[in-house]
């Protein structure tokens, strides 16, 4: 089992949900309105640093992870100017 953490620009939320639907993922935890700084700059939800991120935590069997990563990569590449979208994978212990 793996935990997939997806951190993405809140503005592409609908597109990301489309990827989840296509991947038949209907169980996840979503945190909306996250702020911070990274490769795409500062996102603090303010007039000076506008925008926020969302985070998705998705627990998946190992064999489903690589396909989801490919689908998310395809989404990222589909934009003329790529939005913030980072994927991290962690091992999961427990049930």
PDB file of N, CA and C in Angstrom:
ATOM      1  N   UNK A   1       0.860  -1.174   0.000  1.00  0.00           N
ATOM      2  CA  UNK A   1       0.000   0.000   0.000  1.00  0.00           C
ATOM      3  C   UNK A   1       0.900   1.228   0.000  1.00  0.00           C
ATOM      4  N   UNK A   2       0.476   2.236  -0.747  1.00  0.00           N
ATOM      5  CA  UNK A   2       1.201   3.509  -0.826  1.00  0.00           C
ATOM      6  C   UNK A   2       0.250   4.661  -0.539  1.00  0.00           C
ATOM      7  N   UNK A   3       0.822   5.748  -0.034  1.00  0.00           N
ATOM      8  CA  UNK A   3       0.080   7.000   0.137  1.00  0.00           C
ATOM      9  C   UNK A   3       0.611   7.971  -0.899  1.00  0.00           C
ATOM     10  N   UNK A   4      -0.282   8.454  -1.739  1.00  0.00           N
ATOM     11  CA  UNK A   4       0.075   9.423  -2.775  1.00  0.00           C
ATOM     12  C   UNK A   4      -0.391  10.790  -2.292  1.00  0.00           C
ATOM     13  N   UNK A   5       0.543  11.717  -2.202  1.00  0.00           N
ATOM     14  CA  UNK A   5       0.232  13.096  -1.833  1.00  0.00           C
ATOM     15  C   UNK A   5       0.333  13.932  -3.098  1.00  0.00           C
ATOM     16  N   UNK A   6      -0.756  14.596  -3.463  1.00  0.00           N
ATOM     17  CA  UNK A   6      -0.783  15.475  -4.627  1.00  0.00           C
ATOM     18  C   UNK A   6      -0.986  16.896  -4.123  1.00  0.00           C
ATOM     19  N   UNK A   7      -0.041  17.775  -4.418  1.00  0.00           N
ATOM     20  CA  UNK A   7      -0.144  19.196  -4.056  1.00  0.00           C
ATOM     21  C   UNK A   7      -0.314  19.954  -5.359  1.00  0.00           C
ATOM     22  N   UNK A   8      -1.397  20.717  -5.477  1.00  0.00           N
ATOM     23  CA  UNK A   8      -1.704  21.337  -6.765  1.00  0.00           C
ATOM     24  C   UNK A   8      -2.387  22.682  -6.606  1.00  0.00           C
ATOM     25  N   UNK A   9      -2.260  23.492  -7.648  1.00  0.00           N
ATOM     26  CA  UNK A   9      -2.897  24.801  -7.738  1.00  0.00           C
ATOM     27  C   UNK A   9      -4.412  24.622  -7.614  1.00  0.00           C
ATOM     28  N   UNK A  10      -5.028  25.325  -6.677  1.00  0.00           N
ATOM     29  CA  UNK A  10      -6.465  25.195  -6.460  1.00  0.00           C
ATOM     30  C   UNK A  10      -7.268  25.499  -7.723  1.00  0.00           C
ATOM     31  N   UNK A  11      -6.705  26.263  -8.645  1.00  0.00           N
ATOM     32  CA  UNK A  11      -7.409  26.613  -9.875  1.00  0.00           C
ATOM     33  C   UNK A  11      -7.634  25.453 -10.825  1.00  0.00           C
ATOM     34  N   UNK A  12      -6.934  24.333 -10.623  1.00  0.00           N
ATOM     35  CA  UNK A  12      -7.128  23.180 -11.511  1.00  0.00           C
ATOM     36  C   UNK A  12      -7.888  22.057 -10.808  1.00  0.00           C
ATOM     37  N   UNK A  13      -8.607  22.404  -9.761  1.00  0.00           N
ATOM     38  CA  UNK A  13      -9.330  21.407  -8.969  1.00  0.00           C
ATOM     39  C   UNK A  13     -10.281  20.571  -9.821  1.00  0.00           C
ATOM     40  N   UNK A  14     -11.036  21.202 -10.695  1.00  0.00           N
ATOM     41  CA  UNK A  14     -12.000  20.459 -11.520  1.00  0.00           C
ATOM     42  C   UNK A  14     -11.282  19.485 -12.460  1.00  0.00           C
ATOM     43  N   UNK A  15     -10.175  19.925 -13.061  1.00  0.00           N
ATOM     44  CA  UNK A  15      -9.403  19.034 -13.929  1.00  0.00           C
ATOM     45  C   UNK A  15      -8.837  17.858 -13.143  1.00  0.00           C
ATOM     46  N   UNK A  16      -8.396  18.119 -11.933  1.00  0.00           N
ATOM     47  CA  UNK A  16      -7.842  17.054 -11.104  1.00  0.00           C
ATOM     48  C   UNK A  16      -8.913  16.042 -10.721  1.00  0.00           C
ATOM     49  N   UNK A  17     -10.114  16.529 -10.445  1.00  0.00           N
ATOM     50  CA  UNK A  17     -11.214  15.614 -10.150  1.00  0.00           C
ATOM     51  C   UNK A  17     -11.535  14.741 -11.352  1.00  0.00           C
ATOM     52  N   UNK A  18     -11.353  15.292 -12.561  1.00  0.00           N
ATOM     53  CA  UNK A  18     -11.545  14.498 -13.772  1.00  0.00           C
ATOM     54  C   UNK A  18     -10.547  13.350 -13.850  1.00  0.00           C
ATOM     55  N   UNK A  19      -9.307  13.604 -13.463  1.00  0.00           N
ATOM     56  CA  UNK A  19      -8.290  12.543 -13.431  1.00  0.00           C
ATOM     57  C   UNK A  19      -8.688  11.481 -12.408  1.00  0.00           C
ATOM     58  N   UNK A  20      -9.155  11.899 -11.250  1.00  0.00           N
ATOM     59  CA  UNK A  20      -9.574  10.937 -10.232  1.00  0.00           C
ATOM     60  C   UNK A  20     -10.734  10.084 -10.726  1.00  0.00           C
ATOM     61  N   UNK A  21     -11.684  10.704 -11.410  1.00  0.00           N
ATOM     62  CA  UNK A  21     -12.809   9.954 -11.968  1.00  0.00           C
ATOM     63  C   UNK A  21     -12.317   8.932 -12.991  1.00  0.00           C
ATOM     64  N   UNK A  22     -11.426   9.371 -13.873  1.00  0.00           N
ATOM     65  CA  UNK A  22     -10.879   8.482 -14.900  1.00  0.00           C
ATOM     66  C   UNK A  22     -10.109   7.322 -14.274  1.00  0.00           C
ATOM     67  N   UNK A  23      -9.417   7.585 -13.184  1.00  0.00           N
ATOM     68  CA  UNK A  23      -8.639   6.551 -12.494  1.00  0.00           C
ATOM     69  C   UNK A  23      -9.498   5.723 -11.539  1.00  0.00           C
ATOM     70  N   UNK A  24     -10.777   6.031 -11.470  1.00  0.00           N
ATOM     71  CA  UNK A  24     -11.730   5.357 -10.587  1.00  0.00           C
ATOM     72  C   UNK A  24     -11.285   5.420  -9.122  1.00  0.00           C
ATOM     73  N   UNK A  25     -10.880   6.622  -8.735  1.00  0.00           N
ATOM     74  CA  UNK A  25     -10.504   6.878  -7.347  1.00  0.00           C
ATOM     75  C   UNK A  25     -11.597   7.719  -6.713  1.00  0.00           C
ATOM     76  N   UNK A  26     -12.287   7.126  -5.754  1.00  0.00           N
ATOM     77  CA  UNK A  26     -13.360   7.865  -5.093  1.00  0.00           C
ATOM     78  C   UNK A  26     -13.159   7.960  -3.583  1.00  0.00           C
ATOM     79  N   UNK A  27     -11.981   7.542  -3.114  1.00  0.00           N
ATOM     80  CA  UNK A  27     -11.666   7.653  -1.698  1.00  0.00           C
ATOM     81  C   UNK A  27     -10.358   8.408  -1.537  1.00  0.00           C
ATOM     82  N   UNK A  28     -10.431   9.551  -0.896  1.00  0.00           N
ATOM     83  CA  UNK A  28      -9.250  10.388  -0.673  1.00  0.00           C
ATOM     84  C   UNK A  28      -9.578  11.408   0.398  1.00  0.00           C
ATOM     85  N   UNK A  29      -8.553  12.057   0.899  1.00  0.00           N
ATOM     86  CA  UNK A  29      -8.724  13.174   1.825  1.00  0.00           C
ATOM     87  C   UNK A  29      -8.199  14.420   1.138  1.00  0.00           C
ATOM     88  N   UNK A  30      -9.002  15.472   1.145  1.00  0.00           N
ATOM     89  CA  UNK A  30      -8.632  16.717   0.476  1.00  0.00           C
ATOM     90  C   UNK A  30      -8.512  17.841   1.500  1.00  0.00           C
ATOM     91  N   UNK A  31      -7.422  18.568   1.404  1.00  0.00           N
ATOM     92  CA  UNK A  31      -7.229  19.771   2.209  1.00  0.00           C
ATOM     93  C   UNK A  31      -7.213  20.953   1.249  1.00  0.00           C
ATOM     94  N   UNK A  32      -8.130  21.875   1.404  1.00  0.00           N
ATOM     95  CA  UNK A  32      -8.241  23.025   0.505  1.00  0.00           C
ATOM     96  C   UNK A  32      -7.666  24.276   1.156  1.00  0.00           C
ATOM     97  N   UNK A  33      -7.126  25.153   0.317  1.00  0.00           N
ATOM     98  CA  UNK A  33      -6.664  26.445   0.790  1.00  0.00           C
ATOM     99  C   UNK A  33      -5.300  26.439   1.452  1.00  0.00           C
ATOM    100  N   UNK A  34      -4.455  25.491   1.100  1.00  0.00           N
ATOM    101  CA  UNK A  34      -3.110  25.433   1.684  1.00  0.00           C
ATOM    102  C   UNK A  34      -2.254  26.576   1.146  1.00  0.00           C
ATOM    103  N   UNK A  35      -1.407  27.097   1.979  1.00  0.00           N
ATOM    104  CA  UNK A  35      -0.505  28.179   1.579  1.00  0.00           C
ATOM    105  C   UNK A  35       0.933  27.748   1.790  1.00  0.00           C
ATOM    106  N   UNK A  36       1.844  28.422   1.083  1.00  0.00           N
ATOM    107  CA  UNK A  36       3.258  28.126   1.240  1.00  0.00           C
ATOM    108  C   UNK A  36       4.049  28.646   0.050  1.00  0.00           C
ATOM    109  N   UNK A  37       5.284  28.192  -0.042  1.00  0.00           N
ATOM    110  CA  UNK A  37       6.164  28.616  -1.123  1.00  0.00           C
ATOM    111  C   UNK A  37       6.852  27.386  -1.699  1.00  0.00           C
ATOM    112  N   UNK A  38       7.062  27.425  -3.012  1.00  0.00           N
ATOM    113  CA  UNK A  38       7.710  26.297  -3.674  1.00  0.00           C
ATOM    114  C   UNK A  38       8.233  26.697  -5.033  1.00  0.00           C
ATOM    115  N   UNK A  39       8.370  25.711  -5.909  1.00  0.00           N
ATOM    116  CA  UNK A  39       8.925  25.939  -7.248  1.00  0.00           C
ATOM    117  C   UNK A  39       8.139  26.961  -8.063  1.00  0.00           C
ATOM    118  N   UNK A  40       6.847  27.018  -7.855  1.00  0.00           N
ATOM    119  CA  UNK A  40       6.004  27.951  -8.616  1.00  0.00           C
ATOM    120  C   UNK A  40       5.805  29.274  -7.888  1.00  0.00           C
ATOM    121  N   UNK A  41       6.595  29.505  -6.851  1.00  0.00           N
ATOM    122  CA  UNK A  41       6.531  30.776  -6.140  1.00  0.00           C
ATOM    123  C   UNK A  41       5.722  30.701  -4.865  1.00  0.00           C
ATOM    124  N   UNK A  42       5.384  31.878  -4.370  1.00  0.00           N
ATOM    125  CA  UNK A  42       4.630  31.997  -3.125  1.00  0.00           C
ATOM    126  C   UNK A  42       3.138  31.905  -3.421  1.00  0.00           C
ATOM    127  N   UNK A  43       2.417  31.210  -2.562  1.00  0.00           N
ATOM    128  CA  UNK A  43       0.956  31.121  -2.633  1.00  0.00           C
ATOM    129  C   UNK A  43       0.430  31.297  -1.215  1.00  0.00           C
ATOM    130  N   UNK A  44       0.031  32.524  -0.942  1.00  0.00           N
ATOM    131  CA  UNK A  44      -0.455  32.831   0.399  1.00  0.00           C
ATOM    132  C   UNK A  44      -1.897  33.345   0.394  1.00  0.00           C
ATOM    133  N   UNK A  45      -2.551  33.333  -0.756  1.00  0.00           N
ATOM    134  CA  UNK A  45      -3.936  33.773  -0.819  1.00  0.00           C
ATOM    135  C   UNK A  45      -4.114  35.247  -0.517  1.00  0.00           C
ATOM    136  N   UNK A  46      -3.092  36.060  -0.808  1.00  0.00           N
ATOM    137  CA  UNK A  46      -3.156  37.495  -0.540  1.00  0.00           C
ATOM    138  C   UNK A  46      -3.035  38.253  -1.861  1.00  0.00           C
ATOM    139  N   UNK A  47      -3.357  39.548  -1.866  1.00  0.00           N
ATOM    140  CA  UNK A  47      -3.191  40.322  -3.103  1.00  0.00           C
ATOM    141  C   UNK A  47      -1.740  40.342  -3.601  1.00  0.00           C
ATOM    142  N   UNK A  48      -0.796  40.309  -2.699  1.00  0.00           N
ATOM    143  CA  UNK A  48       0.605  40.331  -3.112  1.00  0.00           C
ATOM    144  C   UNK A  48       1.052  38.964  -3.606  1.00  0.00           C
ATOM    145  N   UNK A  49       0.677  37.897  -2.908  1.00  0.00           N
ATOM    146  CA  UNK A  49       0.983  36.526  -3.323  1.00  0.00           C
ATOM    147  C   UNK A  49      -0.332  35.759  -3.451  1.00  0.00           C
ATOM    148  N   UNK A  50      -1.017  35.943  -4.577  1.00  0.00           N
ATOM    149  CA  UNK A  50      -2.338  35.323  -4.744  1.00  0.00           C
ATOM    150  C   UNK A  50      -2.245  33.802  -4.947  1.00  0.00           C
ATOM    151  N   UNK A  51      -3.383  33.195  -4.787  1.00  0.00           N
ATOM    152  CA  UNK A  51      -3.510  31.763  -5.051  1.00  0.00           C
ATOM    153  C   UNK A  51      -3.266  30.913  -3.815  1.00  0.00           C
ATOM    154  N   UNK A  52      -3.846  29.742  -3.857  1.00  0.00           N
ATOM    155  CA  UNK A  52      -3.626  28.739  -2.819  1.00  0.00           C
ATOM    156  C   UNK A  52      -3.477  27.382  -3.497  1.00  0.00           C
ATOM    157  N   UNK A  53      -3.083  26.415  -2.723  1.00  0.00           N
ATOM    158  CA  UNK A  53      -2.979  25.045  -3.203  1.00  0.00           C
ATOM    159  C   UNK A  53      -3.998  24.169  -2.497  1.00  0.00           C
ATOM    160  N   UNK A  54      -4.260  23.037  -3.092  1.00  0.00           N
ATOM    161  CA  UNK A  54      -5.026  21.982  -2.450  1.00  0.00           C
ATOM    162  C   UNK A  54      -4.109  20.775  -2.314  1.00  0.00           C
ATOM    163  N   UNK A  55      -4.405  19.930  -1.339  1.00  0.00           N
ATOM    164  CA  UNK A  55      -3.658  18.702  -1.148  1.00  0.00           C
ATOM    165  C   UNK A  55      -4.621  17.531  -1.168  1.00  0.00           C
ATOM    166  N   UNK A  56      -4.229  16.477  -1.854  1.00  0.00           N
ATOM    167  CA  UNK A  56      -4.993  15.232  -1.847  1.00  0.00           C
ATOM    168  C   UNK A  56      -4.111  14.139  -1.269  1.00  0.00           C
ATOM    169  N   UNK A  57      -4.632  13.408  -0.302  1.00  0.00           N
ATOM    170  CA  UNK A  57      -3.982  12.222   0.243  1.00  0.00           C
ATOM    171  C   UNK A  57      -4.787  11.029  -0.258  1.00  0.00           C
ATOM    172  N   UNK A  58      -4.122  10.147  -1.020  1.00  0.00           N
ATOM    173  CA  UNK A  58      -4.813   9.013  -1.632  1.00  0.00           C
ATOM    174  C   UNK A  58      -4.069   7.733  -1.270  1.00  0.00           C
ATOM    175  N   UNK A  59      -4.715   6.819  -0.561  1.00  0.00           N
ATOM    176  CA  UNK A  59      -4.127   5.518  -0.245  1.00  0.00           C
ATOM    177  C   UNK A  59      -4.502   4.550  -1.366  1.00  0.00           C
ATOM    178  N   UNK A  60      -3.484   3.921  -1.958  1.00  0.00           N
ATOM    179  CA  UNK A  60      -3.710   3.024  -3.097  1.00  0.00           C
ATOM    180  C   UNK A  60      -2.860   1.766  -2.978  1.00  0.00           C
ATOM    181  N   UNK A  61      -3.356   0.666  -3.552  1.00  0.00           N
ATOM    182  CA  UNK A  61      -2.491  -0.508  -3.681  1.00  0.00           C
ATOM    183  C   UNK A  61      -1.312  -0.158  -4.588  1.00  0.00           C
ATOM    184  N   UNK A  62      -0.164  -0.770  -4.330  1.00  0.00           N
ATOM    185  CA  UNK A  62       1.058  -0.467  -5.073  1.00  0.00           C
ATOM    186  C   UNK A  62       0.859  -0.483  -6.584  1.00  0.00           C
ATOM    187  N   UNK A  63       0.100  -1.460  -7.081  1.00  0.00           N
ATOM    188  CA  UNK A  63      -0.044  -1.624  -8.531  1.00  0.00           C
ATOM    189  C   UNK A  63      -0.847  -0.518  -9.211  1.00  0.00           C
ATOM    190  N   UNK A  64      -1.542   0.322  -8.463  1.00  0.00           N
ATOM    191  CA  UNK A  64      -2.326   1.416  -9.062  1.00  0.00           C
ATOM    192  C   UNK A  64      -1.585   2.750  -9.068  1.00  0.00           C
ATOM    193  N   UNK A  65      -0.488   2.834  -8.357  1.00  0.00           N
ATOM    194  CA  UNK A  65       0.207   4.109  -8.176  1.00  0.00           C
ATOM    195  C   UNK A  65       0.824   4.625  -9.469  1.00  0.00           C
ATOM    196  N   UNK A  66       1.549   3.790 -10.201  1.00  0.00           N
ATOM    197  CA  UNK A  66       2.254   4.275 -11.392  1.00  0.00           C
ATOM    198  C   UNK A  66       1.289   4.800 -12.448  1.00  0.00           C
ATOM    199  N   UNK A  67       0.136   4.171 -12.607  1.00  0.00           N
ATOM    200  CA  UNK A  67      -0.842   4.667 -13.587  1.00  0.00           C
ATOM    201  C   UNK A  67      -1.366   6.046 -13.180  1.00  0.00           C
ATOM    202  N   UNK A  68      -1.665   6.229 -11.895  1.00  0.00           N
ATOM    203  CA  UNK A  68      -2.142   7.534 -11.427  1.00  0.00           C
ATOM    204  C   UNK A  68      -1.082   8.600 -11.667  1.00  0.00           C
ATOM    205  N   UNK A  69       0.175   8.280 -11.388  1.00  0.00           N
ATOM    206  CA  UNK A  69       1.244   9.253 -11.606  1.00  0.00           C
ATOM    207  C   UNK A  69       1.334   9.622 -13.082  1.00  0.00           C
ATOM    208  N   UNK A  70       1.189   8.643 -13.970  1.00  0.00           N
ATOM    209  CA  UNK A  70       1.214   8.938 -15.409  1.00  0.00           C
ATOM    210  C   UNK A  70       0.052   9.835 -15.808  1.00  0.00           C
ATOM    211  N   UNK A  71      -1.127   9.596 -15.255  1.00  0.00           N
ATOM    212  CA  UNK A  71      -2.296  10.423 -15.566  1.00  0.00           C
ATOM    213  C   UNK A  71      -2.107  11.848 -15.054  1.00  0.00           C
ATOM    214  N   UNK A  72      -1.553  11.997 -13.874  1.00  0.00           N
ATOM    215  CA  UNK A  72      -1.301  13.335 -13.335  1.00  0.00           C
ATOM    216  C   UNK A  72      -0.229  14.058 -14.140  1.00  0.00           C
ATOM    217  N   UNK A  73       0.781  13.325 -14.585  1.00  0.00           N
ATOM    218  CA  UNK A  73       1.819  13.919 -15.424  1.00  0.00           C
ATOM    219  C   UNK A  73       1.233  14.394 -16.753  1.00  0.00           C
ATOM    220  N   UNK A  74       0.340  13.594 -17.324  1.00  0.00           N
ATOM    221  CA  UNK A  74      -0.324  13.985 -18.576  1.00  0.00           C
ATOM    222  C   UNK A  74      -1.156  15.247 -18.374  1.00  0.00           C
ATOM    223  N   UNK A  75      -1.838  15.357 -17.233  1.00  0.00           N
ATOM    224  CA  UNK A  75      -2.605  16.570 -16.934  1.00  0.00           C
ATOM    225  C   UNK A  75      -1.683  17.768 -16.869  1.00  0.00           C
ATOM    226  N   UNK A  76      -0.575  17.627 -16.157  1.00  0.00           N
ATOM    227  CA  UNK A  76       0.375  18.732 -16.009  1.00  0.00           C
ATOM    228  C   UNK A  76       0.899  19.186 -17.366  1.00  0.00           C
ATOM    229  N   UNK A  77       1.196  18.251 -18.239  1.00  0.00           N
ATOM    230  CA  UNK A  77       1.731  18.575 -19.562  1.00  0.00           C
ATOM    231  C   UNK A  77       0.666  19.115 -20.514  1.00  0.00           C
ATOM    232  N   UNK A  78      -0.612  18.963 -20.170  1.00  0.00           N
ATOM    233  CA  UNK A  78      -1.684  19.413 -21.064  1.00  0.00           C
ATOM    234  C   UNK A  78      -1.870  20.928 -21.059  1.00  0.00           C
ATOM    235  N   UNK A  79      -1.287  21.616 -20.088  1.00  0.00           N
ATOM    236  CA  UNK A  79      -1.418  23.063 -20.002  1.00  0.00           C
ATOM    237  C   UNK A  79      -0.303  23.751 -20.779  1.00  0.00           C
ATOM    238  N   UNK A  80      -0.632  24.861 -21.435  1.00  0.00           N
ATOM    239  CA  UNK A  80       0.390  25.630 -22.132  1.00  0.00           C
ATOM    240  C   UNK A  80       1.426  26.164 -21.145  1.00  0.00           C
ATOM    241  N   UNK A  81       0.938  26.654 -20.017  1.00  0.00           N
ATOM    242  CA  UNK A  81       1.814  27.105 -18.928  1.00  0.00           C
ATOM    243  C   UNK A  81       1.502  26.196 -17.736  1.00  0.00           C
ATOM    244  N   UNK A  82       2.406  25.261 -17.435  1.00  0.00           N
ATOM    245  CA  UNK A  82       2.100  24.282 -16.385  1.00  0.00           C
ATOM    246  C   UNK A  82       1.767  24.925 -15.038  1.00  0.00           C
ATOM    247  N   UNK A  83       0.708  24.425 -14.436  1.00  0.00           N
ATOM    248  CA  UNK A  83       0.307  24.857 -13.094  1.00  0.00           C
ATOM    249  C   UNK A  83       1.127  24.091 -12.064  1.00  0.00           C
ATOM    250  N   UNK A  84       1.099  24.570 -10.841  1.00  0.00           N
ATOM    251  CA  UNK A  84       1.740  23.844  -9.748  1.00  0.00           C
ATOM    252  C   UNK A  84       1.031  22.501  -9.582  1.00  0.00           C
ATOM    253  N   UNK A  85       1.788  21.431  -9.658  1.00  0.00           N
ATOM    254  CA  UNK A  85       1.257  20.095  -9.448  1.00  0.00           C
ATOM    255  C   UNK A  85       2.451  19.189  -9.135  1.00  0.00           C
ATOM    256  N   UNK A  86       2.540  18.765  -7.891  1.00  0.00           N
ATOM    257  CA  UNK A  86       3.631  17.901  -7.444  1.00  0.00           C
ATOM    258  C   UNK A  86       3.041  16.644  -6.827  1.00  0.00           C
ATOM    259  N   UNK A  87       3.714  15.529  -7.052  1.00  0.00           N
ATOM    260  CA  UNK A  87       3.253  14.244  -6.541  1.00  0.00           C
ATOM    261  C   UNK A  87       4.363  13.610  -5.704  1.00  0.00           C
ATOM    262  N   UNK A  88       4.000  13.126  -4.532  1.00  0.00           N
ATOM    263  CA  UNK A  88       4.930  12.427  -3.642  1.00  0.00           C
ATOM    264  C   UNK A  88       4.293  11.113  -3.253  1.00  0.00           C
ATOM    265  N   UNK A  89       5.102  10.064  -3.128  1.00  0.00           N
ATOM    266  CA  UNK A  89       4.602   8.738  -2.774  1.00  0.00           C
ATOM    267  C   UNK A  89       5.338   8.242  -1.528  1.00  0.00           C
ATOM    268  N   UNK A  90       4.558   7.752  -0.549  1.00  0.00           N
ATOM    269  CA  UNK A  90       5.095   7.264   0.705  1.00  0.00           C
ATOM    270  C   UNK A  90       4.615   5.846   0.962  1.00  0.00           C
ATOM    271  N   UNK A  91       5.415   5.019   1.588  1.00  0.00           N
ATOM    272  CA  UNK A  91       4.926   3.692   1.996  1.00  0.00           C
ATOM    273  C   UNK A  91       3.928   3.851   3.141  1.00  0.00           C
ATOM    274  N   UNK A  92       2.968   2.938   3.206  1.00  0.00           N
ATOM    275  CA  UNK A  92       1.949   2.998   4.243  1.00  0.00           C
ATOM    276  C   UNK A  92       2.010   1.713   5.074  1.00  0.00           C
ATOM    277  N   UNK A  93       1.998   1.865   6.378  1.00  0.00           N
ATOM    278  CA  UNK A  93       1.906   0.727   7.274  1.00  0.00           C
ATOM    279  C   UNK A  93       0.555   0.774   7.976  1.00  0.00           C
ATOM    280  N   UNK A  94       0.022  -0.334   8.283  1.00  0.00           N
ATOM    281  CA  UNK A  94      -1.256  -0.382   8.966  1.00  0.00           C
ATOM    282  C   UNK A  94      -2.355  -0.843   8.035  1.00  0.00           C
ATOM    283  N   UNK A  95      -3.582  -0.577   8.398  1.00  0.00           N
ATOM    284  CA  UNK A  95      -4.694  -1.080   7.595  1.00  0.00           C
ATOM    285  C   UNK A  95      -5.253  -0.014   6.752  1.00  0.00           C
TER     286      UNK A  95
END
